[in-house]
PDB file of N, CA and C in Angstrom:
ATOM      1  N   MET A   1      91.607  74.791 114.982  1.00  0.00           N
ATOM      2  CA  MET A   1      90.374  74.470 114.298  1.00  0.00           C
ATOM      3  C   MET A   1      90.743  73.768 112.994  1.00  0.00           C
ATOM      4  N   SER A   2      90.150  72.623 112.768  1.00  0.00           N
ATOM      5  CA  SER A   2      90.489  71.822 111.585  1.00  0.00           C
ATOM      6  C   SER A   2      89.794  72.365 110.334  1.00  0.00           C
ATOM      7  N   PHE A   3      90.236  71.840 109.208  1.00  0.00           N
ATOM      8  CA  PHE A   3      89.632  72.215 107.931  1.00  0.00           C
ATOM      9  C   PHE A   3      88.140  71.881 107.921  1.00  0.00           C
ATOM     10  N   LEU A   4      87.776  70.702 108.445  1.00  0.00           N
ATOM     11  CA  LEU A   4      86.359  70.312 108.468  1.00  0.00           C
ATOM     12  C   LEU A   4      85.532  71.252 109.338  1.00  0.00           C
ATOM     13  N   ASP A   5      86.104  71.713 110.437  1.00  0.00           N
ATOM     14  CA  ASP A   5      85.395  72.671 111.293  1.00  0.00           C
ATOM     15  C   ASP A   5      85.133  73.971 110.533  1.00  0.00           C
ATOM     16  N   LYS A   6      86.143  74.453 109.838  1.00  0.00           N
ATOM     17  CA  LYS A   6      85.994  75.698 109.075  1.00  0.00           C
ATOM     18  C   LYS A   6      84.996  75.528 107.928  1.00  0.00           C
ATOM     19  N   LEU A   7      85.044  74.385 107.259  1.00  0.00           N
ATOM     20  CA  LEU A   7      84.097  74.114 106.178  1.00  0.00           C
ATOM     21  C   LEU A   7      82.668  74.044 106.714  1.00  0.00           C
ATOM     22  N   ALA A   8      82.503  73.411 107.869  1.00  0.00           N
ATOM     23  CA  ALA A   8      81.175  73.320 108.479  1.00  0.00           C
ATOM     24  C   ALA A   8      80.646  74.707 108.818  1.00  0.00           C
ATOM     25  N   ILE A   9      81.485  75.558 109.376  1.00  0.00           N
ATOM     26  CA  ILE A   9      81.051  76.908 109.724  1.00  0.00           C
ATOM     27  C   ILE A   9      80.688  77.693 108.462  1.00  0.00           C
ATOM     28  N   LEU A  10      81.442  77.517 107.392  1.00  0.00           N
ATOM     29  CA  LEU A  10      81.128  78.188 106.126  1.00  0.00           C
ATOM     30  C   LEU A  10      79.770  77.728 105.595  1.00  0.00           C
ATOM     31  N   LEU A  11      79.538  76.426 105.598  1.00  0.00           N
ATOM     32  CA  LEU A  11      78.263  75.905 105.100  1.00  0.00           C
ATOM     33  C   LEU A  11      77.091  76.328 105.983  1.00  0.00           C
ATOM     34  N   ILE A  12      77.303  76.360 107.285  1.00  0.00           N
ATOM     35  CA  ILE A  12      76.246  76.811 108.200  1.00  0.00           C
ATOM     36  C   ILE A  12      75.922  78.280 107.946  1.00  0.00           C
ATOM     37  N   THR A  13      76.942  79.072 107.657  1.00  0.00           N
ATOM     38  CA  THR A  13      76.726  80.485 107.356  1.00  0.00           C
ATOM     39  C   THR A  13      75.910  80.646 106.072  1.00  0.00           C
ATOM     40  N   VAL A  14      76.228  79.847 105.061  1.00  0.00           N
ATOM     41  CA  VAL A  14      75.447  79.880 103.820  1.00  0.00           C
ATOM     42  C   VAL A  14      73.988  79.537 104.112  1.00  0.00           C
ATOM     43  N   GLY A  15      73.780  78.493 104.909  1.00  0.00           N
ATOM     44  CA  GLY A  15      72.417  78.090 105.255  1.00  0.00           C
ATOM     45  C   GLY A  15      71.688  79.157 106.045  1.00  0.00           C
ATOM     46  N   ALA A  16      72.389  79.770 106.999  1.00  0.00           N
ATOM     47  CA  ALA A  16      71.754  80.809 107.813  1.00  0.00           C
ATOM     48  C   ALA A  16      71.385  82.029 106.969  1.00  0.00           C
ATOM     49  N   LEU A  17      72.272  82.432 106.084  1.00  0.00           N
ATOM     50  CA  LEU A  17      71.959  83.572 105.213  1.00  0.00           C
ATOM     51  C   LEU A  17      70.805  83.241 104.271  1.00  0.00           C
ATOM     52  N   ASN A  18      70.774  82.005 103.786  1.00  0.00           N
ATOM     53  CA  ASN A  18      69.667  81.600 102.919  1.00  0.00           C
ATOM     54  C   ASN A  18      68.346  81.620 103.680  1.00  0.00           C
ATOM     55  N   TRP A  19      68.337  81.061 104.909  1.00  0.00           N
ATOM     56  CA  TRP A  19      67.108  81.089 105.708  1.00  0.00           C
ATOM     57  C   TRP A  19      66.706  82.520 106.051  1.00  0.00           C
ATOM     58  N   GLY A  20      67.685  83.379 106.276  1.00  0.00           N
ATOM     59  CA  GLY A  20      67.376  84.787 106.534  1.00  0.00           C
ATOM     60  C   GLY A  20      66.706  85.439 105.336  1.00  0.00           C
ATOM     61  N   SER A  21      67.215  85.135 104.140  1.00  0.00           N
ATOM     62  CA  SER A  21      66.602  85.727 102.942  1.00  0.00           C
ATOM     63  C   SER A  21      65.205  85.153 102.700  1.00  0.00           C
ATOM     64  N   ILE A  22      64.992  83.887 103.064  1.00  0.00           N
ATOM     65  CA  ILE A  22      63.651  83.306 102.941  1.00  0.00           C
ATOM     66  C   ILE A  22      62.701  83.976 103.932  1.00  0.00           C
ATOM     67  N   GLY A  23      63.162  84.144 105.166  1.00  0.00           N
ATOM     68  CA  GLY A  23      62.314  84.746 106.194  1.00  0.00           C
ATOM     69  C   GLY A  23      61.996  86.206 105.934  1.00  0.00           C
ATOM     70  N   LEU A  24      62.986  86.965 105.492  1.00  0.00           N
ATOM     71  CA  LEU A  24      62.780  88.400 105.291  1.00  0.00           C
ATOM     72  C   LEU A  24      62.132  88.740 103.957  1.00  0.00           C
ATOM     73  N   PHE A  25      62.542  88.022 102.915  1.00  0.00           N
ATOM     74  CA  PHE A  25      62.124  88.414 101.571  1.00  0.00           C
ATOM     75  C   PHE A  25      61.342  87.340 100.825  1.00  0.00           C
ATOM     76  N   GLY A  26      61.229  86.149 101.399  1.00  0.00           N
ATOM     77  CA  GLY A  26      60.564  85.062 100.699  1.00  0.00           C
ATOM     78  C   GLY A  26      61.349  84.573  99.496  1.00  0.00           C
ATOM     79  N   PHE A  27      62.670  84.761  99.528  1.00  0.00           N
ATOM     80  CA  PHE A  27      63.519  84.423  98.387  1.00  0.00           C
ATOM     81  C   PHE A  27      64.536  83.369  98.795  1.00  0.00           C
ATOM     82  N   ASP A  28      64.513  82.231  98.128  1.00  0.00           N
ATOM     83  CA  ASP A  28      65.453  81.142  98.383  1.00  0.00           C
ATOM     84  C   ASP A  28      66.638  81.313  97.436  1.00  0.00           C
ATOM     85  N   PHE A  29      67.709  81.909  97.941  1.00  0.00           N
ATOM     86  CA  PHE A  29      68.875  82.247  97.123  1.00  0.00           C
ATOM     87  C   PHE A  29      69.562  80.996  96.580  1.00  0.00           C
ATOM     88  N   VAL A  30      69.717  79.967  97.409  1.00  0.00           N
ATOM     89  CA  VAL A  30      70.413  78.751  96.972  1.00  0.00           C
ATOM     90  C   VAL A  30      69.648  78.084  95.828  1.00  0.00           C
ATOM     91  N   SER A  31      68.342  77.958  95.968  1.00  0.00           N
ATOM     92  CA  SER A  31      67.541  77.357  94.892  1.00  0.00           C
ATOM     93  C   SER A  31      67.608  78.192  93.627  1.00  0.00           C
ATOM     94  N   TRP A  32      67.541  79.494  93.781  1.00  0.00           N
ATOM     95  CA  TRP A  32      67.613  80.387  92.623  1.00  0.00           C
ATOM     96  C   TRP A  32      68.963  80.246  91.924  1.00  0.00           C
ATOM     97  N   LEU A  33      70.026  80.202  92.697  1.00  0.00           N
ATOM     98  CA  LEU A  33      71.372  80.144  92.144  1.00  0.00           C
ATOM     99  C   LEU A  33      71.654  78.807  91.454  1.00  0.00           C
ATOM    100  N   LEU A  34      71.095  77.713  92.001  1.00  0.00           N
ATOM    101  CA  LEU A  34      71.447  76.379  91.519  1.00  0.00           C
ATOM    102  C   LEU A  34      70.371  75.705  90.672  1.00  0.00           C
ATOM    103  N   GLY A  35      69.360  76.447  90.252  1.00  0.00           N
ATOM    104  CA  GLY A  35      68.430  75.905  89.282  1.00  0.00           C
ATOM    105  C   GLY A  35      67.107  75.404  89.817  1.00  0.00           C
ATOM    106  N   GLY A  36      66.665  75.903  90.946  1.00  0.00           N
ATOM    107  CA  GLY A  36      65.361  75.518  91.473  1.00  0.00           C
ATOM    108  C   GLY A  36      65.467  74.515  92.604  1.00  0.00           C
ATOM    109  N   SER A  37      64.370  74.381  93.333  1.00  0.00           N
ATOM    110  CA  SER A  37      64.377  73.537  94.524  1.00  0.00           C
ATOM    111  C   SER A  37      64.428  72.046  94.185  1.00  0.00           C
ATOM    112  N   ASP A  38      64.108  71.672  92.957  1.00  0.00           N
ATOM    113  CA  ASP A  38      64.166  70.264  92.556  1.00  0.00           C
ATOM    114  C   ASP A  38      65.501  69.884  91.921  1.00  0.00           C
ATOM    115  N   SER A  39      66.400  70.859  91.779  1.00  0.00           N
ATOM    116  CA  SER A  39      67.707  70.600  91.184  1.00  0.00           C
ATOM    117  C   SER A  39      68.543  69.710  92.101  1.00  0.00           C
ATOM    118  N   ILE A  40      69.284  68.798  91.499  1.00  0.00           N
ATOM    119  CA  ILE A  40      70.139  67.908  92.281  1.00  0.00           C
ATOM    120  C   ILE A  40      71.227  68.703  93.007  1.00  0.00           C
ATOM    121  N   LEU A  41      71.729  69.776  92.381  1.00  0.00           N
ATOM    122  CA  LEU A  41      72.748  70.607  93.035  1.00  0.00           C
ATOM    123  C   LEU A  41      72.191  71.286  94.286  1.00  0.00           C
ATOM    124  N   THR A  42      70.967  71.761  94.201  1.00  0.00           N
ATOM    125  CA  THR A  42      70.318  72.378  95.356  1.00  0.00           C
ATOM    126  C   THR A  42      70.166  71.366  96.481  1.00  0.00           C
ATOM    127  N   LYS A  43      69.740  70.172  96.148  1.00  0.00           N
ATOM    128  CA  LYS A  43      69.577  69.136  97.160  1.00  0.00           C
ATOM    129  C   LYS A  43      70.909  68.752  97.793  1.00  0.00           C
ATOM    130  N   ILE A  44      71.979  68.729  96.993  1.00  0.00           N
ATOM    131  CA  ILE A  44      73.307  68.426  97.527  1.00  0.00           C
ATOM    132  C   ILE A  44      73.746  69.504  98.506  1.00  0.00           C
ATOM    133  N   VAL A  45      73.568  70.771  98.128  1.00  0.00           N
ATOM    134  CA  VAL A  45      73.968  71.876  99.017  1.00  0.00           C
ATOM    135  C   VAL A  45      73.160  71.836 100.306  1.00  0.00           C
ATOM    136  N   PHE A  46      71.857  71.639 100.207  1.00  0.00           N
ATOM    137  CA  PHE A  46      71.030  71.572 101.418  1.00  0.00           C
ATOM    138  C   PHE A  46      71.438  70.393 102.298  1.00  0.00           C
ATOM    139  N   THR A  47      71.786  69.268 101.688  1.00  0.00           N
ATOM    140  CA  THR A  47      72.239  68.111 102.452  1.00  0.00           C
ATOM    141  C   THR A  47      73.566  68.402 103.136  1.00  0.00           C
ATOM    142  N   LEU A  48      74.481  69.045 102.433  1.00  0.00           N
ATOM    143  CA  LEU A  48      75.776  69.396 103.031  1.00  0.00           C
ATOM    144  C   LEU A  48      75.613  70.394 104.181  1.00  0.00           C
ATOM    145  N   VAL A  49      74.691  71.323 104.030  1.00  0.00           N
ATOM    146  CA  VAL A  49      74.416  72.275 105.116  1.00  0.00           C
ATOM    147  C   VAL A  49      73.876  71.534 106.335  1.00  0.00           C
ATOM    148  N   GLY A  50      72.995  70.574 106.113  1.00  0.00           N
ATOM    149  CA  GLY A  50      72.462  69.784 107.220  1.00  0.00           C
ATOM    150  C   GLY A  50      73.536  68.965 107.910  1.00  0.00           C
ATOM    151  N   ILE A  51      74.409  68.337 107.134  1.00  0.00           N
ATOM    152  CA  ILE A  51      75.514  67.568 107.710  1.00  0.00           C
ATOM    153  C   ILE A  51      76.451  68.492 108.480  1.00  0.00           C
ATOM    154  N   ALA A  52      76.698  69.682 107.939  1.00  0.00           N
ATOM    155  CA  ALA A  52      77.550  70.650 108.631  1.00  0.00           C
ATOM    156  C   ALA A  52      76.940  71.056 109.966  1.00  0.00           C
ATOM    157  N   GLY A  53      75.624  71.185 110.002  1.00  0.00           N
ATOM    158  CA  GLY A  53      74.953  71.518 111.261  1.00  0.00           C
ATOM    159  C   GLY A  53      75.134  70.430 112.296  1.00  0.00           C
ATOM    160  N   ILE A  54      75.041  69.191 111.856  1.00  0.00           N
ATOM    161  CA  ILE A  54      75.258  68.068 112.775  1.00  0.00           C
ATOM    162  C   ILE A  54      76.709  68.061 113.251  1.00  0.00           C
ATOM    163  N   TRP A  55      77.646  68.300 112.339  1.00  0.00           N
ATOM    164  CA  TRP A  55      79.065  68.354 112.696  1.00  0.00           C
ATOM    165  C   TRP A  55      79.324  69.462 113.723  1.00  0.00           C
ATOM    166  N   ALA A  56      78.650  70.587 113.545  1.00  0.00           N
ATOM    167  CA  ALA A  56      78.881  71.734 114.426  1.00  0.00           C
ATOM    168  C   ALA A  56      78.435  71.475 115.849  1.00  0.00           C
ATOM    169  N   ILE A  57      77.542  70.529 116.056  1.00  0.00           N
ATOM    170  CA  ILE A  57      77.143  70.189 117.419  1.00  0.00           C
ATOM    171  C   ILE A  57      78.365  69.749 118.216  1.00  0.00           C
ATOM    172  N   SER A  58      79.281  69.045 117.554  1.00  0.00           N
ATOM    173  CA  SER A  58      80.495  68.599 118.245  1.00  0.00           C
ATOM    174  C   SER A  58      81.369  69.776 118.696  1.00  0.00           C
ATOM    175  N   LEU A  59      81.281  70.889 117.991  1.00  0.00           N
ATOM    176  CA  LEU A  59      82.071  72.067 118.371  1.00  0.00           C
ATOM    177  C   LEU A  59      81.655  72.599 119.743  1.00  0.00           C
ATOM    178  N   LEU A  60      80.405  72.397 120.103  1.00  0.00           N
ATOM    179  CA  LEU A  60      79.916  72.879 121.390  1.00  0.00           C
ATOM    180  C   LEU A  60      80.517  72.118 122.571  1.00  0.00           C
ATOM    181  N   PHE A  61      80.946  70.890 122.324  1.00  0.00           N
ATOM    182  CA  PHE A  61      81.414  70.041 123.407  1.00  0.00           C
ATOM    183  C   PHE A  61      82.924  69.846 123.425  1.00  0.00           C
ATOM    184  N   ARG A  62      83.621  70.495 122.535  1.00  0.00           N
ATOM    185  CA  ARG A  62      85.079  70.400 122.515  1.00  0.00           C
ATOM    186  C   ARG A  62      85.672  71.423 123.468  1.00  0.00           C
ATOM    187  N   PRO A  63      86.757  71.045 124.140  1.00  0.00           N
ATOM    188  CA  PRO A  63      87.408  72.041 124.997  1.00  0.00           C
ATOM    189  C   PRO A  63      88.034  73.140 124.143  1.00  0.00           C
ATOM    190  N   MET A  64      87.955  74.358 124.638  1.00  0.00           N
ATOM    191  CA  MET A  64      88.547  75.481 123.913  1.00  0.00           C
ATOM    192  C   MET A  64      90.058  75.423 124.057  1.00  0.00           C
ATOM    193  N   ARG A  65      90.752  75.739 122.973  1.00  0.00           N
ATOM    194  CA  ARG A  65      92.212  75.745 122.988  1.00  0.00           C
ATOM    195  C   ARG A  65      92.700  77.146 122.708  1.00  0.00           C
ATOM    196  N   ASP A  66      93.834  77.446 123.238  1.00  0.00           N
ATOM    197  CA  ASP A  66      94.482  78.715 122.948  1.00  0.00           C
ATOM    198  C   ASP A  66      95.350  78.510 121.713  1.00  0.00           C
ATOM    199  N   GLU A  67      94.953  79.077 120.580  1.00  0.00           N
ATOM    200  CA  GLU A  67      95.658  78.871 119.327  1.00  0.00           C
ATOM    201  C   GLU A  67      97.102  79.365 119.393  1.00  0.00           C
ATOM    202  N   VAL A  68      97.359  80.443 120.127  1.00  0.00           N
ATOM    203  CA  VAL A  68      98.700  80.996 120.206  1.00  0.00           C
ATOM    204  C   VAL A  68      99.618  80.022 120.941  1.00  0.00           C
ATOM    205  N   SER A  69      99.171  79.501 122.064  1.00  0.00           N
ATOM    206  CA  SER A  69     100.034  78.583 122.809  1.00  0.00           C
ATOM    207  C   SER A  69     100.211  77.267 122.053  1.00  0.00           C
ATOM    208  N   ASP A  70      99.212  76.852 121.281  1.00  0.00           N
ATOM    209  CA  ASP A  70      99.357  75.655 120.459  1.00  0.00           C
ATOM    210  C   ASP A  70     100.436  75.868 119.398  1.00  0.00           C
ATOM    211  N   ALA A  71     100.449  77.057 118.808  1.00  0.00           N
ATOM    212  CA  ALA A  71     101.458  77.346 117.786  1.00  0.00           C
ATOM    213  C   ALA A  71     102.854  77.384 118.398  1.00  0.00           C
ATOM    214  N   LEU A  72     102.970  77.884 119.605  1.00  0.00           N
ATOM    215  CA  LEU A  72     104.273  77.950 120.262  1.00  0.00           C
ATOM    216  C   LEU A  72     104.774  76.585 120.674  1.00  0.00           C
ATOM    217  N   ASP A  73     103.861  75.667 120.956  1.00  0.00           N
ATOM    218  CA  ASP A  73     104.245  74.320 121.363  1.00  0.00           C
ATOM    219  C   ASP A  73     104.810  73.497 120.213  1.00  0.00           C
ATOM    220  N   ARG A  74     104.540  73.886 119.003  1.00  0.00           N
ATOM    221  CA  ARG A  74     104.997  73.108 117.831  1.00  0.00           C
ATOM    222  C   ARG A  74     106.440  73.327 117.524  1.00  0.00           C
TER     223      ARG A  74
END
């Protein structure tokens, strides 16, 4: 799994937890943390989460690899 794959999964997790907090509690954690929904930082994070979601679609279509055998082949 590449660095970009891991970063995408991290950003998707942030987005999922944020949506969970919005759904359960009506609280937007990312907006609160970064200065409101109109903050440029909030918009950047939301954009990165969206791009990560698009990137993650490619993970569904990649063949699965055995990490142990890949390490042994090196």
